[in-house]
Amino acid sequence: MKYGENLFGRRDPRLRENVPTTPPAANHPSASPALVPTSPRVPSAPAVPASVEPVVEGKAEDGAGSKLIVGPNIKLKGVEIEDCDTLVVEGRIEATMVSRAIQIAERGSFAGKVDVDIAEVRGSFQGELTARKKLVIHASGRVASKIRYGKMLVQEGGEMSGDVAALTTQEQQGGR
């Protein structure tokens, strides 16, 4: 970890910005300028890989919204998820969720009831899914059970089964 960075690779604003880049001996008047090592400032890498950034529009894309990422090998069971703008599922979740957006990664799975504006599925979903604005099922995505959607896109190879129906205009605007 670099000086001034926290556990997540972000700069701690409470620490001094001007950290000396040369050893204290270099400031001594007898030090030869040719022997003084200097190191250029290297910008730190982004804290979150671009591959997990949401494809949804609005608050979460600006960074102003709240986001919950359930990483690989994480299992959540029997929870209610609320007040989360974007849920990114890379592990396994059994829950009830009312939110703005859900993204299920290729190896992620969600079982339960979801009520969102936008759902993007690359992994598997089992349960009751309501995507008021848009449902996107990618080629590796599997969605089963009760599915309600405003608009839907299923890529070649994507699967859906169960009770599937489009929402009426009134249901789409009904919101949470």
N, C-alpha and C. Protein backbone atom coordinates (compact mmCIF):
# COMPACT_ATOMS: atom_id res chain seq x y z
N MET A 1 0.84 -1.17 0.00
CA MET A 1 0.00 0.00 0.00
C MET A 1 0.89 1.24 0.00
N LYS A 2 0.57 2.21 -0.82
CA LYS A 2 1.33 3.45 -0.90
C LYS A 2 0.97 4.34 0.28
N TYR A 3 1.91 5.23 0.63
CA TYR A 3 1.67 6.18 1.70
C TYR A 3 0.46 7.03 1.34
N GLY A 4 -0.48 7.16 2.27
CA GLY A 4 -1.63 8.02 2.06
C GLY A 4 -2.82 7.32 1.45
N GLU A 5 -2.70 6.03 1.10
CA GLU A 5 -3.83 5.31 0.55
C GLU A 5 -4.45 4.45 1.63
N ASN A 6 -5.75 4.27 1.52
CA ASN A 6 -6.41 3.39 2.48
C ASN A 6 -6.52 1.99 1.90
N LEU A 7 -7.24 1.13 2.55
CA LEU A 7 -7.35 -0.27 2.17
C LEU A 7 -7.91 -0.46 0.77
N PHE A 8 -8.73 0.48 0.29
CA PHE A 8 -9.37 0.34 -1.00
C PHE A 8 -8.65 1.08 -2.11
N GLY A 9 -7.41 1.51 -1.85
CA GLY A 9 -6.61 2.15 -2.89
C GLY A 9 -6.96 3.61 -3.12
N ARG A 10 -7.79 4.19 -2.25
CA ARG A 10 -8.16 5.59 -2.42
C ARG A 10 -7.29 6.45 -1.51
N ARG A 11 -7.04 7.66 -1.93
CA ARG A 11 -6.22 8.59 -1.19
C ARG A 11 -7.00 9.12 0.00
N ASP A 12 -6.37 9.12 1.17
CA ASP A 12 -6.99 9.63 2.39
C ASP A 12 -6.82 11.14 2.41
N PRO A 13 -7.93 11.92 2.32
CA PRO A 13 -7.82 13.38 2.23
C PRO A 13 -7.27 14.02 3.51
N ARG A 14 -7.25 13.30 4.62
CA ARG A 14 -6.74 13.86 5.88
C ARG A 14 -5.22 13.87 5.93
N LEU A 15 -4.57 13.10 5.09
CA LEU A 15 -3.11 13.05 5.09
C LEU A 15 -2.54 14.14 4.20
N ARG A 16 -1.28 14.50 4.48
CA ARG A 16 -0.64 15.55 3.70
C ARG A 16 -0.54 15.16 2.24
N GLU A 17 -0.78 16.12 1.38
CA GLU A 17 -0.70 15.87 -0.06
C GLU A 17 0.74 15.92 -0.53
N ASN A 18 1.56 16.80 0.03
CA ASN A 18 2.93 16.97 -0.42
C ASN A 18 3.87 16.09 0.39
N VAL A 19 4.05 14.89 -0.03
CA VAL A 19 4.95 13.95 0.63
C VAL A 19 6.29 14.07 -0.05
N PRO A 20 7.40 14.22 0.73
CA PRO A 20 8.72 14.37 0.08
C PRO A 20 9.06 13.16 -0.77
N THR A 21 9.59 13.43 -1.97
CA THR A 21 9.95 12.34 -2.87
C THR A 21 11.45 12.05 -2.84
N THR A 22 12.22 12.87 -2.10
CA THR A 22 13.66 12.65 -1.99
C THR A 22 14.01 12.37 -0.54
N PRO A 23 15.04 11.60 -0.29
CA PRO A 23 15.44 11.34 1.10
C PRO A 23 15.92 12.61 1.78
N PRO A 24 15.85 12.69 3.13
CA PRO A 24 16.26 13.90 3.83
C PRO A 24 17.70 14.30 3.54
N ALA A 25 18.60 13.37 3.27
CA ALA A 25 20.00 13.69 3.00
C ALA A 25 20.14 14.55 1.75
N ALA A 26 19.21 14.43 0.82
CA ALA A 26 19.28 15.19 -0.42
C ALA A 26 19.09 16.68 -0.19
N ASN A 27 18.48 17.03 0.93
CA ASN A 27 18.27 18.45 1.24
C ASN A 27 19.51 19.09 1.87
N HIS A 28 20.51 18.30 2.19
CA HIS A 28 21.73 18.80 2.83
C HIS A 28 22.52 19.58 1.79
N PRO A 29 23.12 20.74 2.18
CA PRO A 29 23.83 21.56 1.20
C PRO A 29 25.00 20.86 0.53
N SER A 30 25.62 19.88 1.18
CA SER A 30 26.78 19.23 0.58
C SER A 30 26.39 18.10 -0.37
N ALA A 31 25.12 17.81 -0.48
CA ALA A 31 24.69 16.71 -1.36
C ALA A 31 24.85 17.13 -2.81
N SER A 32 25.39 16.22 -3.60
CA SER A 32 25.60 16.49 -5.01
C SER A 32 24.28 16.31 -5.75
N PRO A 33 23.87 17.23 -6.63
CA PRO A 33 22.61 17.09 -7.35
C PRO A 33 22.58 15.85 -8.23
N ALA A 34 23.71 15.38 -8.73
CA ALA A 34 23.73 14.20 -9.60
C ALA A 34 23.42 12.93 -8.82
N LEU A 35 23.64 12.93 -7.51
CA LEU A 35 23.42 11.73 -6.71
C LEU A 35 22.07 11.72 -6.00
N VAL A 36 21.27 12.74 -6.19
CA VAL A 36 19.98 12.83 -5.51
C VAL A 36 18.93 12.08 -6.32
N PRO A 37 18.41 10.97 -5.76
CA PRO A 37 17.39 10.24 -6.50
C PRO A 37 16.05 10.97 -6.42
N THR A 38 15.37 11.03 -7.53
CA THR A 38 14.03 11.60 -7.54
C THR A 38 13.10 10.58 -8.17
N SER A 39 11.88 10.56 -7.68
CA SER A 39 10.90 9.64 -8.25
C SER A 39 9.69 10.44 -8.71
N PRO A 40 9.29 10.25 -9.95
CA PRO A 40 8.12 10.98 -10.44
C PRO A 40 6.87 10.47 -9.74
N ARG A 41 5.89 11.33 -9.61
CA ARG A 41 4.61 10.93 -9.02
C ARG A 41 3.87 10.04 -9.99
N VAL A 42 3.47 8.89 -9.53
CA VAL A 42 2.74 7.94 -10.36
C VAL A 42 1.30 7.92 -9.88
N PRO A 43 0.34 8.18 -10.77
CA PRO A 43 -1.06 8.15 -10.34
C PRO A 43 -1.46 6.74 -9.94
N SER A 44 -2.30 6.64 -8.91
CA SER A 44 -2.73 5.32 -8.46
C SER A 44 -3.78 4.77 -9.41
N ALA A 45 -3.87 3.44 -9.44
CA ALA A 45 -4.83 2.76 -10.32
C ALA A 45 -6.24 2.98 -9.79
N PRO A 46 -7.25 2.88 -10.65
CA PRO A 46 -8.63 3.03 -10.19
C PRO A 46 -8.96 1.97 -9.14
N ALA A 47 -9.82 2.33 -8.19
CA ALA A 47 -10.16 1.44 -7.08
C ALA A 47 -11.04 0.27 -7.52
N VAL A 48 -11.87 0.45 -8.55
CA VAL A 48 -12.80 -0.58 -8.99
C VAL A 48 -12.53 -0.90 -10.45
N PRO A 49 -12.36 -2.18 -10.80
CA PRO A 49 -12.15 -2.51 -12.20
C PRO A 49 -13.34 -2.08 -13.06
N ALA A 50 -13.09 -1.70 -14.28
CA ALA A 50 -14.16 -1.23 -15.17
C ALA A 50 -15.17 -2.33 -15.45
N SER A 51 -14.79 -3.59 -15.31
CA SER A 51 -15.70 -4.69 -15.64
C SER A 51 -16.89 -4.79 -14.71
N VAL A 52 -16.85 -4.18 -13.53
CA VAL A 52 -17.98 -4.27 -12.62
C VAL A 52 -18.81 -2.99 -12.59
N GLU A 53 -18.45 -2.02 -13.40
CA GLU A 53 -19.23 -0.79 -13.43
C GLU A 53 -20.59 -1.07 -14.07
N PRO A 54 -21.64 -0.45 -13.57
CA PRO A 54 -22.97 -0.71 -14.09
C PRO A 54 -23.18 -0.15 -15.50
N VAL A 55 -24.08 -0.77 -16.23
CA VAL A 55 -24.43 -0.34 -17.56
C VAL A 55 -25.73 0.46 -17.51
N VAL A 56 -26.20 0.75 -16.31
CA VAL A 56 -27.46 1.46 -16.14
C VAL A 56 -27.26 2.96 -16.21
N GLU A 57 -28.34 3.69 -16.48
CA GLU A 57 -28.25 5.14 -16.57
C GLU A 57 -28.64 5.73 -15.23
N GLY A 58 -28.17 6.97 -14.98
CA GLY A 58 -28.65 7.69 -13.81
C GLY A 58 -27.63 7.83 -12.70
N LYS A 59 -28.15 7.86 -11.47
CA LYS A 59 -27.33 8.18 -10.31
C LYS A 59 -26.12 7.28 -10.14
N ALA A 60 -26.27 5.98 -10.24
CA ALA A 60 -25.17 5.06 -9.96
C ALA A 60 -24.01 5.27 -10.92
N GLU A 61 -24.30 5.69 -12.14
CA GLU A 61 -23.24 5.91 -13.12
C GLU A 61 -22.40 7.13 -12.73
N ASP A 62 -23.01 8.14 -12.13
CA ASP A 62 -22.28 9.33 -11.69
C ASP A 62 -21.44 9.06 -10.46
N GLY A 63 -21.70 7.99 -9.76
CA GLY A 63 -21.02 7.70 -8.52
C GLY A 63 -21.77 8.27 -7.32
N ALA A 64 -22.90 8.97 -7.55
CA ALA A 64 -23.65 9.59 -6.46
C ALA A 64 -24.58 8.60 -5.79
N GLY A 65 -24.94 7.50 -6.45
CA GLY A 65 -25.89 6.55 -5.89
C GLY A 65 -25.20 5.52 -5.01
N SER A 66 -26.00 4.78 -4.27
CA SER A 66 -25.45 3.74 -3.41
C SER A 66 -25.36 2.43 -4.19
N LYS A 67 -24.29 1.69 -3.95
CA LYS A 67 -24.07 0.44 -4.66
C LYS A 67 -23.61 -0.62 -3.67
N LEU A 68 -24.19 -1.81 -3.79
CA LEU A 68 -23.79 -2.94 -2.97
C LEU A 68 -23.24 -4.00 -3.91
N ILE A 69 -22.01 -4.44 -3.65
CA ILE A 69 -21.40 -5.49 -4.46
C ILE A 69 -21.22 -6.71 -3.58
N VAL A 70 -21.86 -7.81 -3.98
CA VAL A 70 -21.69 -9.08 -3.28
C VAL A 70 -20.69 -9.87 -4.11
N GLY A 71 -19.48 -9.96 -3.62
CA GLY A 71 -18.37 -10.54 -4.37
C GLY A 71 -18.46 -12.04 -4.54
N PRO A 72 -17.55 -12.59 -5.35
CA PRO A 72 -17.51 -14.03 -5.58
C PRO A 72 -17.30 -14.77 -4.26
N ASN A 73 -17.84 -15.94 -4.15
CA ASN A 73 -17.74 -16.81 -2.97
C ASN A 73 -18.48 -16.26 -1.74
N ILE A 74 -19.24 -15.19 -1.89
CA ILE A 74 -20.05 -14.65 -0.79
C ILE A 74 -21.46 -15.18 -0.95
N LYS A 75 -22.05 -15.61 0.16
CA LYS A 75 -23.43 -16.11 0.16
C LYS A 75 -24.24 -15.33 1.18
N LEU A 76 -25.33 -14.71 0.73
CA LEU A 76 -26.26 -14.00 1.61
C LEU A 76 -27.58 -14.74 1.57
N LYS A 77 -28.18 -14.96 2.73
CA LYS A 77 -29.42 -15.71 2.76
C LYS A 77 -30.40 -15.05 3.73
N GLY A 78 -31.65 -14.92 3.28
CA GLY A 78 -32.72 -14.44 4.15
C GLY A 78 -32.64 -12.97 4.51
N VAL A 79 -32.27 -12.11 3.56
CA VAL A 79 -32.17 -10.69 3.85
C VAL A 79 -33.17 -9.90 3.00
N GLU A 80 -33.43 -8.68 3.43
CA GLU A 80 -34.21 -7.72 2.65
C GLU A 80 -33.28 -6.59 2.28
N ILE A 81 -33.18 -6.31 0.98
CA ILE A 81 -32.28 -5.25 0.50
C ILE A 81 -33.14 -4.09 0.04
N GLU A 82 -32.92 -2.92 0.68
CA GLU A 82 -33.66 -1.71 0.33
C GLU A 82 -32.71 -0.54 0.28
N ASP A 83 -33.14 0.55 -0.33
CA ASP A 83 -32.36 1.79 -0.41
C ASP A 83 -30.99 1.58 -1.02
N CYS A 84 -30.90 0.68 -1.97
CA CYS A 84 -29.65 0.41 -2.68
C CYS A 84 -29.93 0.75 -4.14
N ASP A 85 -29.19 1.69 -4.70
CA ASP A 85 -29.45 2.06 -6.09
C ASP A 85 -29.07 0.93 -7.05
N THR A 86 -27.92 0.30 -6.83
CA THR A 86 -27.47 -0.78 -7.70
C THR A 86 -26.92 -1.92 -6.87
N LEU A 87 -27.42 -3.12 -7.13
CA LEU A 87 -26.89 -4.33 -6.51
C LEU A 87 -26.14 -5.11 -7.57
N VAL A 88 -24.87 -5.41 -7.31
CA VAL A 88 -24.06 -6.21 -8.22
C VAL A 88 -23.85 -7.56 -7.54
N VAL A 89 -24.31 -8.63 -8.18
CA VAL A 89 -24.25 -9.97 -7.60
C VAL A 89 -23.19 -10.79 -8.33
N GLU A 90 -22.10 -11.07 -7.61
CA GLU A 90 -21.05 -11.93 -8.16
C GLU A 90 -21.03 -13.25 -7.39
N GLY A 91 -21.70 -13.29 -6.25
CA GLY A 91 -21.78 -14.48 -5.41
C GLY A 91 -23.18 -15.07 -5.50
N ARG A 92 -23.72 -15.48 -4.33
CA ARG A 92 -25.04 -16.10 -4.29
C ARG A 92 -25.90 -15.39 -3.24
N ILE A 93 -27.13 -15.01 -3.63
CA ILE A 93 -28.04 -14.30 -2.74
C ILE A 93 -29.41 -14.97 -2.75
N GLU A 94 -29.98 -15.13 -1.56
CA GLU A 94 -31.39 -15.51 -1.39
C GLU A 94 -32.00 -14.38 -0.60
N ALA A 95 -32.83 -13.55 -1.26
CA ALA A 95 -33.30 -12.33 -0.61
C ALA A 95 -34.54 -11.76 -1.28
N THR A 96 -35.03 -10.69 -0.67
CA THR A 96 -36.08 -9.86 -1.24
C THR A 96 -35.46 -8.49 -1.46
N MET A 97 -35.75 -7.89 -2.60
CA MET A 97 -35.09 -6.63 -2.93
C MET A 97 -36.03 -5.67 -3.63
N VAL A 98 -36.04 -4.41 -3.16
CA VAL A 98 -36.71 -3.31 -3.85
C VAL A 98 -35.64 -2.27 -4.05
N SER A 99 -35.32 -1.97 -5.31
CA SER A 99 -34.20 -1.11 -5.60
C SER A 99 -34.38 -0.45 -6.96
N ARG A 100 -33.30 0.15 -7.45
CA ARG A 100 -33.32 0.77 -8.77
C ARG A 100 -32.77 -0.16 -9.84
N ALA A 101 -31.67 -0.88 -9.54
CA ALA A 101 -31.06 -1.73 -10.55
C ALA A 101 -30.38 -2.93 -9.91
N ILE A 102 -30.37 -4.03 -10.66
CA ILE A 102 -29.64 -5.23 -10.24
C ILE A 102 -28.84 -5.72 -11.43
N GLN A 103 -27.61 -6.16 -11.13
CA GLN A 103 -26.76 -6.77 -12.15
C GLN A 103 -26.28 -8.09 -11.59
N ILE A 104 -26.53 -9.14 -12.31
CA ILE A 104 -26.08 -10.46 -11.88
C ILE A 104 -24.96 -10.89 -12.82
N ALA A 105 -23.75 -11.07 -12.27
CA ALA A 105 -22.58 -11.45 -13.05
C ALA A 105 -22.70 -12.90 -13.53
N GLU A 106 -21.82 -13.31 -14.44
CA GLU A 106 -21.88 -14.66 -15.02
C GLU A 106 -21.92 -15.76 -13.98
N ARG A 107 -21.13 -15.64 -12.93
CA ARG A 107 -21.10 -16.68 -11.90
C ARG A 107 -22.00 -16.35 -10.72
N GLY A 108 -22.72 -15.25 -10.80
CA GLY A 108 -23.62 -14.84 -9.72
C GLY A 108 -24.98 -15.50 -9.85
N SER A 109 -25.66 -15.64 -8.70
CA SER A 109 -27.02 -16.16 -8.73
C SER A 109 -27.86 -15.47 -7.66
N PHE A 110 -29.12 -15.26 -7.99
CA PHE A 110 -30.06 -14.62 -7.08
C PHE A 110 -31.31 -15.47 -7.05
N ALA A 111 -31.80 -15.77 -5.85
CA ALA A 111 -33.05 -16.49 -5.67
C ALA A 111 -33.91 -15.64 -4.75
N GLY A 112 -35.14 -15.38 -5.16
CA GLY A 112 -36.02 -14.59 -4.32
C GLY A 112 -36.91 -13.68 -5.13
N LYS A 113 -37.26 -12.54 -4.52
CA LYS A 113 -38.18 -11.60 -5.15
C LYS A 113 -37.47 -10.27 -5.35
N VAL A 114 -37.53 -9.76 -6.59
CA VAL A 114 -36.85 -8.51 -6.94
C VAL A 114 -37.83 -7.58 -7.64
N ASP A 115 -37.83 -6.31 -7.21
CA ASP A 115 -38.63 -5.27 -7.83
C ASP A 115 -37.69 -4.10 -8.12
N VAL A 116 -37.32 -3.93 -9.41
CA VAL A 116 -36.34 -2.92 -9.80
C VAL A 116 -36.79 -2.19 -11.06
N ASP A 117 -36.08 -1.12 -11.39
CA ASP A 117 -36.31 -0.44 -12.66
C ASP A 117 -35.60 -1.19 -13.78
N ILE A 118 -34.33 -1.55 -13.54
CA ILE A 118 -33.51 -2.17 -14.57
C ILE A 118 -32.86 -3.44 -14.01
N ALA A 119 -32.96 -4.54 -14.76
CA ALA A 119 -32.31 -5.79 -14.37
C ALA A 119 -31.43 -6.25 -15.53
N GLU A 120 -30.19 -6.61 -15.20
CA GLU A 120 -29.24 -7.10 -16.19
C GLU A 120 -28.71 -8.43 -15.68
N VAL A 121 -28.98 -9.52 -16.43
CA VAL A 121 -28.67 -10.86 -15.94
C VAL A 121 -27.67 -11.54 -16.87
N ARG A 122 -26.50 -11.85 -16.30
CA ARG A 122 -25.49 -12.64 -17.00
C ARG A 122 -25.39 -14.02 -16.34
N GLY A 123 -25.82 -14.12 -15.11
CA GLY A 123 -25.78 -15.36 -14.34
C GLY A 123 -27.16 -15.99 -14.28
N SER A 124 -27.59 -16.36 -13.06
CA SER A 124 -28.90 -17.00 -12.95
C SER A 124 -29.81 -16.30 -11.94
N PHE A 125 -31.09 -16.26 -12.27
CA PHE A 125 -32.11 -15.71 -11.39
C PHE A 125 -33.23 -16.73 -11.28
N GLN A 126 -33.68 -16.97 -10.05
CA GLN A 126 -34.78 -17.89 -9.80
C GLN A 126 -35.73 -17.20 -8.83
N GLY A 127 -36.99 -17.04 -9.20
CA GLY A 127 -37.95 -16.41 -8.30
C GLY A 127 -38.89 -15.49 -9.03
N GLU A 128 -39.20 -14.37 -8.39
CA GLU A 128 -40.13 -13.40 -8.95
C GLU A 128 -39.37 -12.12 -9.29
N LEU A 129 -39.31 -11.80 -10.57
CA LEU A 129 -38.54 -10.65 -11.05
C LEU A 129 -39.47 -9.65 -11.74
N THR A 130 -39.47 -8.41 -11.25
CA THR A 130 -40.19 -7.33 -11.90
C THR A 130 -39.18 -6.25 -12.26
N ALA A 131 -39.00 -6.04 -13.57
CA ALA A 131 -38.12 -4.99 -14.09
C ALA A 131 -39.01 -3.98 -14.80
N ARG A 132 -39.34 -2.89 -14.09
CA ARG A 132 -40.33 -1.93 -14.59
C ARG A 132 -39.92 -1.27 -15.90
N LYS A 133 -38.65 -0.93 -16.06
CA LYS A 133 -38.21 -0.25 -17.29
C LYS A 133 -37.61 -1.24 -18.28
N LYS A 134 -36.59 -1.99 -17.85
CA LYS A 134 -35.88 -2.84 -18.82
C LYS A 134 -35.30 -4.08 -18.16
N LEU A 135 -35.41 -5.20 -18.86
CA LEU A 135 -34.80 -6.47 -18.47
C LEU A 135 -33.88 -6.89 -19.60
N VAL A 136 -32.60 -7.11 -19.26
CA VAL A 136 -31.62 -7.56 -20.25
C VAL A 136 -31.10 -8.91 -19.80
N ILE A 137 -31.27 -9.94 -20.64
CA ILE A 137 -30.74 -11.27 -20.36
C ILE A 137 -29.64 -11.53 -21.38
N HIS A 138 -28.41 -11.59 -20.89
CA HIS A 138 -27.26 -11.79 -21.77
C HIS A 138 -27.18 -13.26 -22.18
N ALA A 139 -26.26 -13.58 -23.09
CA ALA A 139 -26.13 -14.93 -23.65
C ALA A 139 -25.93 -15.99 -22.57
N SER A 140 -25.24 -15.64 -21.48
CA SER A 140 -24.99 -16.60 -20.40
C SER A 140 -26.07 -16.56 -19.32
N GLY A 141 -27.06 -15.68 -19.46
CA GLY A 141 -28.10 -15.49 -18.44
C GLY A 141 -29.19 -16.53 -18.46
N ARG A 142 -29.69 -16.86 -17.26
CA ARG A 142 -30.79 -17.81 -17.09
C ARG A 142 -31.78 -17.20 -16.10
N VAL A 143 -33.02 -16.98 -16.52
CA VAL A 143 -34.05 -16.42 -15.65
C VAL A 143 -35.24 -17.36 -15.66
N ALA A 144 -35.71 -17.74 -14.46
CA ALA A 144 -36.83 -18.68 -14.36
C ALA A 144 -37.80 -18.23 -13.28
N SER A 145 -39.07 -18.54 -13.49
CA SER A 145 -40.19 -18.32 -12.57
C SER A 145 -41.10 -17.23 -13.09
N LYS A 146 -41.50 -16.29 -12.21
CA LYS A 146 -42.43 -15.24 -12.60
C LYS A 146 -41.63 -14.01 -13.03
N ILE A 147 -41.83 -13.61 -14.31
CA ILE A 147 -41.05 -12.52 -14.88
C ILE A 147 -42.01 -11.46 -15.42
N ARG A 148 -41.82 -10.22 -14.95
CA ARG A 148 -42.60 -9.08 -15.43
C ARG A 148 -41.60 -8.02 -15.88
N TYR A 149 -41.87 -7.36 -17.02
CA TYR A 149 -40.90 -6.42 -17.56
C TYR A 149 -41.59 -5.29 -18.31
N GLY A 150 -40.91 -4.13 -18.41
CA GLY A 150 -41.36 -3.02 -19.24
C GLY A 150 -40.91 -3.25 -20.67
N LYS A 151 -39.61 -3.33 -20.86
CA LYS A 151 -39.00 -3.70 -22.15
C LYS A 151 -38.02 -4.82 -21.86
N MET A 152 -37.79 -5.66 -22.87
CA MET A 152 -36.90 -6.80 -22.65
C MET A 152 -35.99 -7.01 -23.84
N LEU A 153 -34.75 -7.41 -23.52
CA LEU A 153 -33.78 -7.79 -24.54
C LEU A 153 -33.17 -9.11 -24.10
N VAL A 154 -33.27 -10.12 -24.95
CA VAL A 154 -32.66 -11.42 -24.66
C VAL A 154 -31.65 -11.70 -25.77
N GLN A 155 -30.38 -11.79 -25.40
CA GLN A 155 -29.35 -12.10 -26.39
C GLN A 155 -29.43 -13.58 -26.76
N GLU A 156 -28.91 -13.90 -27.94
CA GLU A 156 -28.90 -15.28 -28.40
C GLU A 156 -28.14 -16.14 -27.39
N GLY A 157 -28.76 -17.20 -26.93
CA GLY A 157 -28.18 -18.07 -25.91
C GLY A 157 -28.77 -17.83 -24.53
N GLY A 158 -29.31 -16.65 -24.29
CA GLY A 158 -29.96 -16.35 -23.01
C GLY A 158 -31.24 -17.16 -22.89
N GLU A 159 -31.56 -17.55 -21.65
CA GLU A 159 -32.75 -18.38 -21.43
C GLU A 159 -33.68 -17.75 -20.41
N MET A 160 -35.00 -17.92 -20.67
CA MET A 160 -36.00 -17.54 -19.68
C MET A 160 -37.13 -18.54 -19.76
N SER A 161 -37.70 -18.83 -18.59
CA SER A 161 -38.80 -19.78 -18.54
C SER A 161 -39.71 -19.44 -17.38
N GLY A 162 -40.95 -19.88 -17.48
CA GLY A 162 -41.91 -19.63 -16.41
C GLY A 162 -43.04 -18.75 -16.89
N ASP A 163 -43.62 -18.00 -15.97
CA ASP A 163 -44.73 -17.10 -16.24
C ASP A 163 -44.15 -15.74 -16.65
N VAL A 164 -44.15 -15.47 -17.96
CA VAL A 164 -43.51 -14.27 -18.50
C VAL A 164 -44.59 -13.35 -19.08
N ALA A 165 -44.58 -12.06 -18.67
CA ALA A 165 -45.56 -11.11 -19.20
C ALA A 165 -45.00 -9.70 -19.16
N ALA A 166 -45.45 -8.88 -20.13
CA ALA A 166 -45.07 -7.47 -20.16
C ALA A 166 -45.95 -6.70 -19.18
N LEU A 167 -45.39 -5.67 -18.59
CA LEU A 167 -46.15 -4.79 -17.70
C LEU A 167 -46.96 -3.81 -18.53
N THR A 168 -48.10 -3.40 -18.03
CA THR A 168 -48.87 -2.34 -18.69
C THR A 168 -48.15 -1.02 -18.43
N THR A 169 -48.50 0.01 -19.19
CA THR A 169 -47.89 1.33 -19.01
C THR A 169 -48.13 1.83 -17.59
N GLN A 170 -49.32 1.59 -17.05
CA GLN A 170 -49.64 2.02 -15.69
C GLN A 170 -48.77 1.29 -14.67
N GLU A 171 -48.52 -0.01 -14.84
CA GLU A 171 -47.68 -0.77 -13.94
C GLU A 171 -46.23 -0.31 -14.00
N GLN A 172 -45.76 0.06 -15.20
CA GLN A 172 -44.40 0.53 -15.37
C GLN A 172 -44.17 1.83 -14.61
N GLN A 173 -45.15 2.70 -14.61
CA GLN A 173 -45.02 3.99 -13.96
C GLN A 173 -45.39 3.95 -12.49
N GLY A 174 -45.98 2.85 -12.03
CA GLY A 174 -46.43 2.70 -10.65
C GLY A 174 -45.33 2.86 -9.64
N GLY A 175 -44.12 2.40 -9.99
CA GLY A 175 -42.96 2.55 -9.11
C GLY A 175 -43.07 1.73 -7.86
N ARG A 176 -42.14 2.07 -6.96
CA ARG A 176 -42.02 1.30 -5.72
C ARG A 176 -42.98 1.79 -4.68
